[in-house]
N, C-alpha and C. Protein backbone atom coordinates (compact mmCIF):
# COMPACT_ATOMS: atom_id res chain seq x y z
N MET A 1 203.93 54.68 54.88
CA MET A 1 204.81 53.53 55.05
C MET A 1 203.94 52.28 55.19
N ILE A 2 204.33 51.25 54.52
CA ILE A 2 203.66 49.95 54.60
C ILE A 2 204.62 48.98 55.28
N GLN A 3 204.09 48.19 56.22
CA GLN A 3 204.96 47.22 56.89
C GLN A 3 204.19 45.95 57.21
N VAL A 4 204.95 44.88 57.41
CA VAL A 4 204.42 43.60 57.84
C VAL A 4 205.21 43.18 59.08
N THR A 5 204.51 42.59 60.05
CA THR A 5 205.15 42.19 61.31
C THR A 5 204.85 40.74 61.60
N LYS A 6 205.86 40.01 62.02
CA LYS A 6 205.72 38.61 62.46
C LYS A 6 206.12 38.55 63.92
N THR A 7 205.30 37.91 64.74
CA THR A 7 205.59 37.75 66.16
C THR A 7 206.14 36.36 66.42
N PHE A 8 207.29 36.29 67.06
CA PHE A 8 207.93 35.03 67.43
C PHE A 8 207.89 34.89 68.95
N ARG A 9 207.55 33.73 69.44
CA ARG A 9 207.59 33.43 70.88
C ARG A 9 208.59 32.30 71.07
N PHE A 10 209.50 32.46 72.04
CA PHE A 10 210.49 31.42 72.26
C PHE A 10 210.94 31.42 73.72
N GLU A 11 211.56 30.32 74.11
CA GLU A 11 212.08 30.13 75.46
C GLU A 11 213.60 30.06 75.38
N MET A 12 214.27 30.52 76.45
CA MET A 12 215.72 30.47 76.50
C MET A 12 216.14 30.17 77.93
N ALA A 13 217.18 29.36 78.09
CA ALA A 13 217.70 29.05 79.42
C ALA A 13 219.16 29.49 79.52
N HIS A 14 219.56 29.83 80.76
CA HIS A 14 220.96 30.20 81.00
C HIS A 14 221.24 30.08 82.49
N ALA A 15 222.47 30.16 82.86
CA ALA A 15 222.90 30.19 84.25
C ALA A 15 223.96 31.28 84.39
N ASN A 16 224.00 31.90 85.55
CA ASN A 16 224.98 32.95 85.81
C ASN A 16 226.09 32.38 86.67
N ASN A 17 227.13 31.86 86.02
CA ASN A 17 228.26 31.27 86.74
C ASN A 17 228.97 32.34 87.57
N GLY A 18 229.33 32.00 88.78
CA GLY A 18 230.04 32.92 89.64
C GLY A 18 229.14 33.89 90.39
N TYR A 19 227.85 33.80 90.19
CA TYR A 19 226.90 34.66 90.88
C TYR A 19 226.39 33.93 92.12
N ASP A 20 226.42 34.56 93.27
CA ASP A 20 225.99 33.93 94.51
C ASP A 20 224.53 34.31 94.79
N GLY A 21 223.64 33.63 94.12
CA GLY A 21 222.21 33.90 94.27
C GLY A 21 221.41 32.90 93.49
N PRO A 22 220.09 33.04 93.47
CA PRO A 22 219.24 32.04 92.81
C PRO A 22 219.46 31.93 91.30
N CYS A 23 219.99 32.94 90.67
CA CYS A 23 220.20 32.89 89.22
C CYS A 23 221.49 32.17 88.83
N GLN A 24 222.24 31.66 89.82
CA GLN A 24 223.45 30.91 89.48
C GLN A 24 223.09 29.55 88.88
N ASN A 25 221.91 29.05 89.19
CA ASN A 25 221.46 27.77 88.65
C ASN A 25 220.75 27.99 87.31
N ILE A 26 220.74 26.95 86.51
CA ILE A 26 220.10 27.06 85.20
C ILE A 26 218.61 27.36 85.40
N HIS A 27 218.14 28.34 84.66
CA HIS A 27 216.74 28.74 84.70
C HIS A 27 216.40 29.35 83.34
N GLY A 28 215.13 29.58 83.12
CA GLY A 28 214.72 30.05 81.80
C GLY A 28 213.86 31.29 81.82
N HIS A 29 213.70 31.84 80.63
CA HIS A 29 212.88 33.03 80.42
C HIS A 29 212.06 32.83 79.15
N SER A 30 210.89 33.45 79.10
CA SER A 30 210.06 33.47 77.90
C SER A 30 210.22 34.81 77.22
N TYR A 31 210.31 34.80 75.90
CA TYR A 31 210.50 36.03 75.14
C TYR A 31 209.47 36.13 74.02
N ILE A 32 209.15 37.36 73.67
CA ILE A 32 208.32 37.66 72.51
C ILE A 32 209.10 38.67 71.67
N LEU A 33 209.30 38.34 70.39
CA LEU A 33 210.01 39.21 69.47
C LEU A 33 209.06 39.61 68.34
N HIS A 34 208.96 40.89 68.07
CA HIS A 34 208.17 41.40 66.95
C HIS A 34 209.15 41.86 65.87
N ALA A 35 209.18 41.14 64.76
CA ALA A 35 210.07 41.49 63.65
C ALA A 35 209.24 42.18 62.57
N SER A 36 209.59 43.41 62.25
CA SER A 36 208.85 44.18 61.25
C SER A 36 209.74 44.50 60.06
N VAL A 37 209.15 44.45 58.88
CA VAL A 37 209.82 44.83 57.65
C VAL A 37 208.95 45.90 57.01
N ALA A 38 209.56 47.04 56.67
CA ALA A 38 208.80 48.16 56.12
C ALA A 38 209.25 48.50 54.72
N LEU A 39 208.32 48.97 53.92
CA LEU A 39 208.59 49.47 52.59
C LEU A 39 208.58 50.99 52.69
N LEU A 40 209.74 51.62 52.65
CA LEU A 40 209.86 53.05 52.90
C LEU A 40 209.62 53.91 51.68
N ASN A 41 209.80 53.37 50.48
CA ASN A 41 209.71 54.18 49.27
C ASN A 41 208.39 54.04 48.54
N ALA A 42 207.37 53.50 49.20
CA ALA A 42 206.08 53.33 48.54
C ALA A 42 205.39 54.68 48.41
N GLU A 43 204.88 54.97 47.22
CA GLU A 43 204.16 56.22 47.00
C GLU A 43 202.67 55.97 47.19
N ASP A 44 202.08 56.75 48.06
CA ASP A 44 200.63 56.64 48.33
C ASP A 44 200.23 55.22 48.71
N ASP A 45 201.06 54.54 49.46
CA ASP A 45 200.76 53.18 49.94
C ASP A 45 200.52 52.19 48.80
N PHE A 46 201.23 52.40 47.68
CA PHE A 46 201.13 51.48 46.54
C PHE A 46 202.27 50.48 46.59
N LEU A 47 201.94 49.22 46.44
CA LEU A 47 202.96 48.17 46.42
C LEU A 47 203.29 47.81 44.99
N PRO A 48 204.54 48.01 44.57
CA PRO A 48 204.93 47.60 43.22
C PRO A 48 204.95 46.08 43.11
N ALA A 49 205.02 45.58 41.90
CA ALA A 49 205.06 44.13 41.66
C ALA A 49 206.21 43.53 42.45
N PRO A 50 206.05 42.43 43.09
CA PRO A 50 204.97 41.46 43.01
C PRO A 50 203.80 41.72 43.96
N GLY A 51 203.74 42.87 44.60
CA GLY A 51 202.56 43.22 45.38
C GLY A 51 202.65 42.94 46.87
N PHE A 52 203.87 42.74 47.39
CA PHE A 52 204.00 42.59 48.83
C PHE A 52 205.32 43.18 49.30
N VAL A 53 205.38 43.51 50.60
CA VAL A 53 206.56 44.14 51.17
C VAL A 53 207.73 43.18 51.20
N THR A 54 207.48 41.96 51.63
CA THR A 54 208.51 40.92 51.70
C THR A 54 207.85 39.57 51.58
N ASP A 55 208.63 38.57 51.31
CA ASP A 55 208.12 37.20 51.29
C ASP A 55 207.89 36.80 52.75
N PHE A 56 206.63 36.66 53.15
CA PHE A 56 206.31 36.37 54.53
C PHE A 56 206.92 35.06 54.99
N ASN A 57 207.04 34.08 54.11
CA ASN A 57 207.69 32.81 54.47
C ASN A 57 209.16 33.02 54.81
N ALA A 58 209.82 33.91 54.09
CA ALA A 58 211.23 34.21 54.39
C ALA A 58 211.35 34.88 55.75
N LEU A 59 210.43 35.78 56.08
CA LEU A 59 210.42 36.43 57.39
C LEU A 59 210.15 35.41 58.49
N LYS A 60 209.19 34.53 58.26
CA LYS A 60 208.81 33.51 59.24
C LYS A 60 209.95 32.54 59.49
N ASN A 61 210.68 32.18 58.43
CA ASN A 61 211.75 31.18 58.55
C ASN A 61 213.10 31.79 58.87
N GLY A 62 213.19 33.11 58.92
CA GLY A 62 214.45 33.77 59.25
C GLY A 62 215.47 33.75 58.14
N THR A 63 215.00 33.67 56.88
CA THR A 63 215.93 33.64 55.75
C THR A 63 215.94 34.96 55.01
């Protein structure tokens, strides 16, 4: 199997309305997402034309 992985790092904020504790106020978290795309039908790790698993720019841009 051949695969390509792109790592995304992002921040997100939220508040827990109705919760009686410190998380009721707006606060944030940091996340790391690893998005992988695999080529499952490759024979002997050969990439058919055009020679890549996916368009890396499309993976990077989420398209």
